[in-house]
Amino acid sequence: MEEEAVRWSVKVSKDTDLTLRTFLGAHGMKKGDISKFIEEAVRRRVLQCTIQDIRARNADANPDEIQRIVDEAVSEVRAERRAKGKANKA
């Protein structure tokens, strides 16, 4: 299902506009692809900031404890998937 689009009004410098349009054109993209490019860029930037925040928050954490938590979570998810797979086969 496609999400409802929201219109943004943004201002960028002429240099940024030309650089982006040149980049898109060089990669076979069209004017309409600017929105897709911006959305992907925003998602990546938000992810980067989230990762930085998590790293800063956990800077003093014990790496072994973090690994134990990750391993435990992965094991739980794998067990759930195995159970679902067996239930679907039955």
PDB file of N, CA and C in Angstrom:
ATOM      1  N   MET A   1       0.840  -1.171   0.000  1.00  0.00           N
ATOM      2  CA  MET A   1       0.000   0.000   0.000  1.00  0.00           C
ATOM      3  C   MET A   1       0.892   1.243   0.000  1.00  0.00           C
ATOM      4  N   GLU A   2       0.587   2.184  -0.854  1.00  0.00           N
ATOM      5  CA  GLU A   2       1.366   3.395  -0.990  1.00  0.00           C
ATOM      6  C   GLU A   2       0.955   4.412   0.071  1.00  0.00           C
ATOM      7  N   GLU A   3       1.957   5.047   0.680  1.00  0.00           N
ATOM      8  CA  GLU A   3       1.679   6.051   1.698  1.00  0.00           C
ATOM      9  C   GLU A   3       1.199   7.343   1.049  1.00  0.00           C
ATOM     10  N   GLU A   4       0.404   8.091   1.811  1.00  0.00           N
ATOM     11  CA  GLU A   4      -0.062   9.385   1.337  1.00  0.00           C
ATOM     12  C   GLU A   4       1.108  10.360   1.333  1.00  0.00           C
ATOM     13  N   ALA A   5       1.264  11.084   0.252  1.00  0.00           N
ATOM     14  CA  ALA A   5       2.364  12.038   0.122  1.00  0.00           C
ATOM     15  C   ALA A   5       1.996  13.365   0.796  1.00  0.00           C
ATOM     16  N   VAL A   6       3.004  14.039   1.301  1.00  0.00           N
ATOM     17  CA  VAL A   6       2.857  15.350   1.910  1.00  0.00           C
ATOM     18  C   VAL A   6       3.737  16.306   1.125  1.00  0.00           C
ATOM     19  N   ARG A   7       3.205  17.465   0.822  1.00  0.00           N
ATOM     20  CA  ARG A   7       3.966  18.431   0.038  1.00  0.00           C
ATOM     21  C   ARG A   7       4.817  19.291   0.965  1.00  0.00           C
ATOM     22  N   TRP A   8       6.090  19.439   0.611  1.00  0.00           N
ATOM     23  CA  TRP A   8       7.016  20.309   1.333  1.00  0.00           C
ATOM     24  C   TRP A   8       7.377  21.472   0.432  1.00  0.00           C
ATOM     25  N   SER A   9       7.652  22.586   1.043  1.00  0.00           N
ATOM     26  CA  SER A   9       8.249  23.706   0.325  1.00  0.00           C
ATOM     27  C   SER A   9       9.629  23.918   0.935  1.00  0.00           C
ATOM     28  N   VAL A  10      10.638  23.762   0.128  1.00  0.00           N
ATOM     29  CA  VAL A  10      12.007  23.916   0.623  1.00  0.00           C
ATOM     30  C   VAL A  10      12.756  24.901  -0.269  1.00  0.00           C
ATOM     31  N   LYS A  11      13.733  25.540   0.318  1.00  0.00           N
ATOM     32  CA  LYS A  11      14.591  26.436  -0.446  1.00  0.00           C
ATOM     33  C   LYS A  11      16.017  25.923  -0.357  1.00  0.00           C
ATOM     34  N   VAL A  12      16.675  25.901  -1.488  1.00  0.00           N
ATOM     35  CA  VAL A  12      18.086  25.526  -1.545  1.00  0.00           C
ATOM     36  C   VAL A  12      18.795  26.547  -2.425  1.00  0.00           C
ATOM     37  N   SER A  13      20.093  26.585  -2.306  1.00  0.00           N
ATOM     38  CA  SER A  13      20.859  27.513  -3.133  1.00  0.00           C
ATOM     39  C   SER A  13      20.796  27.091  -4.596  1.00  0.00           C
ATOM     40  N   LYS A  14      21.052  28.023  -5.492  1.00  0.00           N
ATOM     41  CA  LYS A  14      21.081  27.693  -6.927  1.00  0.00           C
ATOM     42  C   LYS A  14      22.147  26.658  -7.210  1.00  0.00           C
ATOM     43  N   ASP A  15      23.264  26.750  -6.501  1.00  0.00           N
ATOM     44  CA  ASP A  15      24.352  25.800  -6.701  1.00  0.00           C
ATOM     45  C   ASP A  15      23.908  24.383  -6.321  1.00  0.00           C
ATOM     46  N   THR A  16      23.213  24.243  -5.197  1.00  0.00           N
ATOM     47  CA  THR A  16      22.717  22.931  -4.780  1.00  0.00           C
ATOM     48  C   THR A  16      21.707  22.398  -5.787  1.00  0.00           C
ATOM     49  N   ASP A  17      20.821  23.263  -6.252  1.00  0.00           N
ATOM     50  CA  ASP A  17      19.819  22.870  -7.243  1.00  0.00           C
ATOM     51  C   ASP A  17      20.493  22.358  -8.511  1.00  0.00           C
ATOM     52  N   LEU A  18      21.449  23.108  -9.019  1.00  0.00           N
ATOM     53  CA  LEU A  18      22.145  22.714 -10.243  1.00  0.00           C
ATOM     54  C   LEU A  18      22.922  21.419 -10.037  1.00  0.00           C
ATOM     55  N   THR A  19      23.585  21.308  -8.893  1.00  0.00           N
ATOM     56  CA  THR A  19      24.352  20.096  -8.597  1.00  0.00           C
ATOM     57  C   THR A  19      23.446  18.875  -8.567  1.00  0.00           C
ATOM     58  N   LEU A  20      22.296  18.989  -7.889  1.00  0.00           N
ATOM     59  CA  LEU A  20      21.373  17.858  -7.803  1.00  0.00           C
ATOM     60  C   LEU A  20      20.791  17.507  -9.161  1.00  0.00           C
ATOM     61  N   ARG A  21      20.355  18.511  -9.909  1.00  0.00           N
ATOM     62  CA  ARG A  21      19.765  18.241 -11.228  1.00  0.00           C
ATOM     63  C   ARG A  21      20.799  17.618 -12.173  1.00  0.00           C
ATOM     64  N   THR A  22      22.039  18.070 -12.093  1.00  0.00           N
ATOM     65  CA  THR A  22      23.109  17.505 -12.908  1.00  0.00           C
ATOM     66  C   THR A  22      23.346  16.046 -12.522  1.00  0.00           C
ATOM     67  N   PHE A  23      23.397  15.799 -11.216  1.00  0.00           N
ATOM     68  CA  PHE A  23      23.590  14.436 -10.726  1.00  0.00           C
ATOM     69  C   PHE A  23      22.460  13.522 -11.200  1.00  0.00           C
ATOM     70  N   LEU A  24      21.209  13.966 -11.013  1.00  0.00           N
ATOM     71  CA  LEU A  24      20.069  13.151 -11.422  1.00  0.00           C
ATOM     72  C   LEU A  24      20.096  12.878 -12.923  1.00  0.00           C
ATOM     73  N   GLY A  25      20.396  13.912 -13.707  1.00  0.00           N
ATOM     74  CA  GLY A  25      20.458  13.751 -15.157  1.00  0.00           C
ATOM     75  C   GLY A  25      21.539  12.777 -15.580  1.00  0.00           C
ATOM     76  N   ALA A  26      22.677  12.847 -14.910  1.00  0.00           N
ATOM     77  CA  ALA A  26      23.791  11.953 -15.241  1.00  0.00           C
ATOM     78  C   ALA A  26      23.466  10.497 -14.906  1.00  0.00           C
ATOM     79  N   HIS A  27      22.498  10.295 -14.013  1.00  0.00           N
ATOM     80  CA  HIS A  27      22.124   8.940 -13.614  1.00  0.00           C
ATOM     81  C   HIS A  27      20.779   8.513 -14.215  1.00  0.00           C
ATOM     82  N   GLY A  28      20.371   9.212 -15.274  1.00  0.00           N
ATOM     83  CA  GLY A  28      19.164   8.826 -15.995  1.00  0.00           C
ATOM     84  C   GLY A  28      17.865   9.124 -15.269  1.00  0.00           C
ATOM     85  N   MET A  29      17.935   9.987 -14.287  1.00  0.00           N
ATOM     86  CA  MET A  29      16.733  10.327 -13.536  1.00  0.00           C
ATOM     87  C   MET A  29      16.116  11.599 -14.094  1.00  0.00           C
ATOM     88  N   LYS A  30      14.890  11.843 -13.700  1.00  0.00           N
ATOM     89  CA  LYS A  30      14.172  13.004 -14.206  1.00  0.00           C
ATOM     90  C   LYS A  30      13.818  13.955 -13.081  1.00  0.00           C
ATOM     91  N   LYS A  31      13.206  15.073 -13.447  1.00  0.00           N
ATOM     92  CA  LYS A  31      12.839  16.109 -12.491  1.00  0.00           C
ATOM     93  C   LYS A  31      12.000  15.532 -11.336  1.00  0.00           C
ATOM     94  N   GLY A  32      11.078  14.650 -11.644  1.00  0.00           N
ATOM     95  CA  GLY A  32      10.215  14.066 -10.625  1.00  0.00           C
ATOM     96  C   GLY A  32      10.953  13.224  -9.605  1.00  0.00           C
ATOM     97  N   ASP A  33      12.170  12.844  -9.927  1.00  0.00           N
ATOM     98  CA  ASP A  33      12.958  12.017  -9.015  1.00  0.00           C
ATOM     99  C   ASP A  33      13.594  12.830  -7.894  1.00  0.00           C
ATOM    100  N   ILE A  34      13.471  14.157  -7.953  1.00  0.00           N
ATOM    101  CA  ILE A  34      14.010  14.991  -6.879  1.00  0.00           C
ATOM    102  C   ILE A  34      13.351  14.620  -5.558  1.00  0.00           C
ATOM    103  N   SER A  35      12.052  14.433  -5.554  1.00  0.00           N
ATOM    104  CA  SER A  35      11.339  14.073  -4.321  1.00  0.00           C
ATOM    105  C   SER A  35      11.844  12.749  -3.770  1.00  0.00           C
ATOM    106  N   LYS A  36      12.032  11.770  -4.634  1.00  0.00           N
ATOM    107  CA  LYS A  36      12.530  10.468  -4.194  1.00  0.00           C
ATOM    108  C   LYS A  36      13.933  10.607  -3.609  1.00  0.00           C
ATOM    109  N   PHE A  37      14.763  11.405  -4.273  1.00  0.00           N
ATOM    110  CA  PHE A  37      16.130  11.617  -3.810  1.00  0.00           C
ATOM    111  C   PHE A  37      16.130  12.263  -2.428  1.00  0.00           C
ATOM    112  N   ILE A  38      15.308  13.298  -2.252  1.00  0.00           N
ATOM    113  CA  ILE A  38      15.238  14.001  -0.966  1.00  0.00           C
ATOM    114  C   ILE A  38      14.728  13.061   0.121  1.00  0.00           C
ATOM    115  N   GLU A  39      13.700  12.284  -0.181  1.00  0.00           N
ATOM    116  CA  GLU A  39      13.162  11.371   0.829  1.00  0.00           C
ATOM    117  C   GLU A  39      14.217  10.366   1.272  1.00  0.00           C
ATOM    118  N   GLU A  40      14.946   9.800   0.318  1.00  0.00           N
ATOM    119  CA  GLU A  40      16.003   8.851   0.673  1.00  0.00           C
ATOM    120  C   GLU A  40      17.092   9.532   1.493  1.00  0.00           C
ATOM    121  N   ALA A  41      17.473  10.751   1.105  1.00  0.00           N
ATOM    122  CA  ALA A  41      18.509  11.480   1.827  1.00  0.00           C
ATOM    123  C   ALA A  41      18.073  11.778   3.265  1.00  0.00           C
ATOM    124  N   VAL A  42      16.820  12.169   3.438  1.00  0.00           N
ATOM    125  CA  VAL A  42      16.306  12.458   4.776  1.00  0.00           C
ATOM    126  C   VAL A  42      16.295  11.193   5.621  1.00  0.00           C
ATOM    127  N   ARG A  43      15.833  10.097   5.056  1.00  0.00           N
ATOM    128  CA  ARG A  43      15.807   8.834   5.800  1.00  0.00           C
ATOM    129  C   ARG A  43      17.210   8.417   6.238  1.00  0.00           C
ATOM    130  N   ARG A  44      18.168   8.548   5.329  1.00  0.00           N
ATOM    131  CA  ARG A  44      19.553   8.189   5.672  1.00  0.00           C
ATOM    132  C   ARG A  44      20.099   9.084   6.776  1.00  0.00           C
ATOM    133  N   ARG A  45      19.829  10.385   6.682  1.00  0.00           N
ATOM    134  CA  ARG A  45      20.338  11.327   7.685  1.00  0.00           C
ATOM    135  C   ARG A  45      19.717  11.069   9.050  1.00  0.00           C
ATOM    136  N   VAL A  46      18.417  10.795   9.078  1.00  0.00           N
ATOM    137  CA  VAL A  46      17.752  10.481  10.347  1.00  0.00           C
ATOM    138  C   VAL A  46      18.352   9.206  10.945  1.00  0.00           C
ATOM    139  N   LEU A  47      18.589   8.198  10.105  1.00  0.00           N
ATOM    140  CA  LEU A  47      19.206   6.963  10.583  1.00  0.00           C
ATOM    141  C   LEU A  47      20.597   7.238  11.146  1.00  0.00           C
ATOM    142  N   GLN A  48      21.408   8.030  10.440  1.00  0.00           N
ATOM    143  CA  GLN A  48      22.747   8.368  10.924  1.00  0.00           C
ATOM    144  C   GLN A  48      22.690   9.066  12.287  1.00  0.00           C
ATOM    145  N   CYS A  49      21.781  10.027  12.419  1.00  0.00           N
ATOM    146  CA  CYS A  49      21.647  10.745  13.693  1.00  0.00           C
ATOM    147  C   CYS A  49      21.190   9.814  14.805  1.00  0.00           C
ATOM    148  N   THR A  50      20.280   8.901  14.491  1.00  0.00           N
ATOM    149  CA  THR A  50      19.805   7.940  15.481  1.00  0.00           C
ATOM    150  C   THR A  50      20.949   7.043  15.939  1.00  0.00           C
ATOM    151  N   ILE A  51      21.756   6.584  14.998  1.00  0.00           N
ATOM    152  CA  ILE A  51      22.907   5.739  15.336  1.00  0.00           C
ATOM    153  C   ILE A  51      23.887   6.503  16.208  1.00  0.00           C
ATOM    154  N   GLN A  52      24.171   7.758  15.867  1.00  0.00           N
ATOM    155  CA  GLN A  52      25.080   8.579  16.678  1.00  0.00           C
ATOM    156  C   GLN A  52      24.545   8.752  18.095  1.00  0.00           C
ATOM    157  N   ASP A  53      23.236   8.997  18.211  1.00  0.00           N
ATOM    158  CA  ASP A  53      22.623   9.156  19.531  1.00  0.00           C
ATOM    159  C   ASP A  53      22.754   7.882  20.361  1.00  0.00           C
ATOM    160  N   ILE A  54      22.498   6.749  19.731  1.00  0.00           N
ATOM    161  CA  ILE A  54      22.592   5.469  20.442  1.00  0.00           C
ATOM    162  C   ILE A  54      24.026   5.198  20.860  1.00  0.00           C
ATOM    163  N   ARG A  55      24.968   5.463  19.973  1.00  0.00           N
ATOM    164  CA  ARG A  55      26.384   5.254  20.319  1.00  0.00           C
ATOM    165  C   ARG A  55      26.797   6.144  21.478  1.00  0.00           C
ATOM    166  N   ALA A  56      26.376   7.401  21.453  1.00  0.00           N
ATOM    167  CA  ALA A  56      26.716   8.327  22.539  1.00  0.00           C
ATOM    168  C   ALA A  56      26.093   7.857  23.855  1.00  0.00           C
ATOM    169  N   ARG A  57      24.833   7.413  23.788  1.00  0.00           N
ATOM    170  CA  ARG A  57      24.133   6.957  24.986  1.00  0.00           C
ATOM    171  C   ARG A  57      24.788   5.714  25.574  1.00  0.00           C
ATOM    172  N   ASN A  58      25.368   4.872  24.707  1.00  0.00           N
ATOM    173  CA  ASN A  58      25.964   3.614  25.158  1.00  0.00           C
ATOM    174  C   ASN A  58      27.488   3.644  25.234  1.00  0.00           C
ATOM    175  N   ALA A  59      28.071   4.829  25.160  1.00  0.00           N
ATOM    176  CA  ALA A  59      29.533   4.945  25.134  1.00  0.00           C
ATOM    177  C   ALA A  59      30.184   4.311  26.357  1.00  0.00           C
ATOM    178  N   ASP A  60      29.535   4.398  27.502  1.00  0.00           N
ATOM    179  CA  ASP A  60      30.113   3.855  28.731  1.00  0.00           C
ATOM    180  C   ASP A  60      29.629   2.439  29.049  1.00  0.00           C
ATOM    181  N   ALA A  61      28.839   1.879  28.163  1.00  0.00           N
ATOM    182  CA  ALA A  61      28.291   0.545  28.402  1.00  0.00           C
ATOM    183  C   ALA A  61      29.362  -0.518  28.198  1.00  0.00           C
ATOM    184  N   ASN A  62      29.174  -1.625  28.880  1.00  0.00           N
ATOM    185  CA  ASN A  62      30.080  -2.757  28.765  1.00  0.00           C
ATOM    186  C   ASN A  62      29.803  -3.471  27.439  1.00  0.00           C
ATOM    187  N   PRO A  63      30.799  -3.558  26.539  1.00  0.00           N
ATOM    188  CA  PRO A  63      30.589  -4.199  25.235  1.00  0.00           C
ATOM    189  C   PRO A  63      30.109  -5.644  25.345  1.00  0.00           C
ATOM    190  N   ASP A  64      30.589  -6.373  26.342  1.00  0.00           N
ATOM    191  CA  ASP A  64      30.160  -7.761  26.519  1.00  0.00           C
ATOM    192  C   ASP A  64      28.675  -7.833  26.887  1.00  0.00           C
ATOM    193  N   GLU A  65      28.215  -6.884  27.710  1.00  0.00           N
ATOM    194  CA  GLU A  65      26.806  -6.845  28.091  1.00  0.00           C
ATOM    195  C   GLU A  65      25.936  -6.511  26.882  1.00  0.00           C
ATOM    196  N   ILE A  66      26.386  -5.563  26.060  1.00  0.00           N
ATOM    197  CA  ILE A  66      25.640  -5.218  24.836  1.00  0.00           C
ATOM    198  C   ILE A  66      25.562  -6.427  23.915  1.00  0.00           C
ATOM    199  N   GLN A  67      26.669  -7.138  23.741  1.00  0.00           N
ATOM    200  CA  GLN A  67      26.676  -8.322  22.879  1.00  0.00           C
ATOM    201  C   GLN A  67      25.740  -9.393  23.420  1.00  0.00           C
ATOM    202  N   ARG A  68      25.704  -9.558  24.747  1.00  0.00           N
ATOM    203  CA  ARG A  68      24.812 -10.541  25.362  1.00  0.00           C
ATOM    204  C   ARG A  68      23.355 -10.193  25.067  1.00  0.00           C
ATOM    205  N   ILE A  69      23.009  -8.905  25.175  1.00  0.00           N
ATOM    206  CA  ILE A  69      21.638  -8.449  24.911  1.00  0.00           C
ATOM    207  C   ILE A  69      21.272  -8.687  23.446  1.00  0.00           C
ATOM    208  N   VAL A  70      22.201  -8.364  22.541  1.00  0.00           N
ATOM    209  CA  VAL A  70      21.953  -8.566  21.107  1.00  0.00           C
ATOM    210  C   VAL A  70      21.778 -10.053  20.807  1.00  0.00           C
ATOM    211  N   ASP A  71      22.662 -10.874  21.340  1.00  0.00           N
ATOM    212  CA  ASP A  71      22.571 -12.323  21.108  1.00  0.00           C
ATOM    213  C   ASP A  71      21.252 -12.885  21.628  1.00  0.00           C
ATOM    214  N   GLU A  72      20.823 -12.410  22.787  1.00  0.00           N
ATOM    215  CA  GLU A  72      19.557 -12.860  23.373  1.00  0.00           C
ATOM    216  C   GLU A  72      18.374 -12.474  22.483  1.00  0.00           C
ATOM    217  N   ALA A  73      18.384 -11.230  21.993  1.00  0.00           N
ATOM    218  CA  ALA A  73      17.295 -10.757  21.130  1.00  0.00           C
ATOM    219  C   ALA A  73      17.261 -11.540  19.819  1.00  0.00           C
ATOM    220  N   VAL A  74      18.417 -11.789  19.230  1.00  0.00           N
ATOM    221  CA  VAL A  74      18.485 -12.552  17.980  1.00  0.00           C
ATOM    222  C   VAL A  74      17.964 -13.970  18.196  1.00  0.00           C
ATOM    223  N   SER A  75      18.343 -14.579  19.298  1.00  0.00           N
ATOM    224  CA  SER A  75      17.871 -15.935  19.605  1.00  0.00           C
ATOM    225  C   SER A  75      16.355 -15.975  19.750  1.00  0.00           C
ATOM    226  N   GLU A  76      15.783 -14.976  20.405  1.00  0.00           N
ATOM    227  CA  GLU A  76      14.324 -14.916  20.572  1.00  0.00           C
ATOM    228  C   GLU A  76      13.615 -14.791  19.223  1.00  0.00           C
ATOM    229  N   VAL A  77      14.134 -13.918  18.367  1.00  0.00           N
ATOM    230  CA  VAL A  77      13.517 -13.730  17.054  1.00  0.00           C
ATOM    231  C   VAL A  77      13.627 -15.001  16.225  1.00  0.00           C
ATOM    232  N   ARG A  78      14.769 -15.640  16.259  1.00  0.00           N
ATOM    233  CA  ARG A  78      14.938 -16.883  15.500  1.00  0.00           C
ATOM    234  C   ARG A  78      13.988 -17.963  16.006  1.00  0.00           C
ATOM    235  N   ALA A  79      13.832 -18.063  17.324  1.00  0.00           N
ATOM    236  CA  ALA A  79      12.922 -19.055  17.886  1.00  0.00           C
ATOM    237  C   ALA A  79      11.485 -18.779  17.451  1.00  0.00           C
ATOM    238  N   GLU A  80      11.088 -17.511  17.446  1.00  0.00           N
ATOM    239  CA  GLU A  80       9.741 -17.144  17.011  1.00  0.00           C
ATOM    240  C   GLU A  80       9.527 -17.505  15.539  1.00  0.00           C
ATOM    241  N   ARG A  81      10.530 -17.223  14.709  1.00  0.00           N
ATOM    242  CA  ARG A  81      10.410 -17.533  13.280  1.00  0.00           C
ATOM    243  C   ARG A  81      10.324 -19.035  13.045  1.00  0.00           C
ATOM    244  N   ARG A  82      11.124 -19.780  13.797  1.00  0.00           N
ATOM    245  CA  ARG A  82      11.075 -21.246  13.662  1.00  0.00           C
ATOM    246  C   ARG A  82       9.698 -21.776  14.049  1.00  0.00           C
ATOM    247  N   ALA A  83       9.158 -21.220  15.134  1.00  0.00           N
ATOM    248  CA  ALA A  83       7.831 -21.661  15.592  1.00  0.00           C
ATOM    249  C   ALA A  83       6.769 -21.313  14.565  1.00  0.00           C
ATOM    250  N   LYS A  84       6.842 -20.130  13.966  1.00  0.00           N
ATOM    251  CA  LYS A  84       5.882 -19.737  12.944  1.00  0.00           C
ATOM    252  C   LYS A  84       6.021 -20.623  11.710  1.00  0.00           C
ATOM    253  N   GLY A  85       7.250 -20.940  11.332  1.00  0.00           N
ATOM    254  CA  GLY A  85       7.490 -21.794  10.185  1.00  0.00           C
ATOM    255  C   GLY A  85       6.916 -23.184  10.387  1.00  0.00           C
ATOM    256  N   LYS A  86       7.087 -23.727  11.579  1.00  0.00           N
ATOM    257  CA  LYS A  86       6.544 -25.053  11.878  1.00  0.00           C
ATOM    258  C   LYS A  86       5.021 -25.005  11.904  1.00  0.00           C
ATOM    259  N   ALA A  87       4.452 -23.932  12.441  1.00  0.00           N
ATOM    260  CA  ALA A  87       2.987 -23.804  12.514  1.00  0.00           C
ATOM    261  C   ALA A  87       2.391 -23.682  11.112  1.00  0.00           C
ATOM    262  N   ASN A  88       3.073 -22.980  10.228  1.00  0.00           N
ATOM    263  CA  ASN A  88       2.574 -22.820   8.848  1.00  0.00           C
ATOM    264  C   ASN A  88       2.652 -24.120   8.061  1.00  0.00           C
ATOM    265  N   LYS A  89       3.619 -24.966   8.363  1.00  0.00           N
ATOM    266  CA  LYS A  89       3.776 -26.241   7.664  1.00  0.00           C
ATOM    267  C   LYS A  89       2.752 -27.273   8.131  1.00  0.00           C
ATOM    268  N   ALA A  90       2.287 -27.104   9.363  1.00  0.00           N
ATOM    269  CA  ALA A  90       1.353 -28.083   9.937  1.00  0.00           C
ATOM    270  C   ALA A  90      -0.048 -27.948   9.411  1.00  0.00           C
TER     271      ALA A  90
END
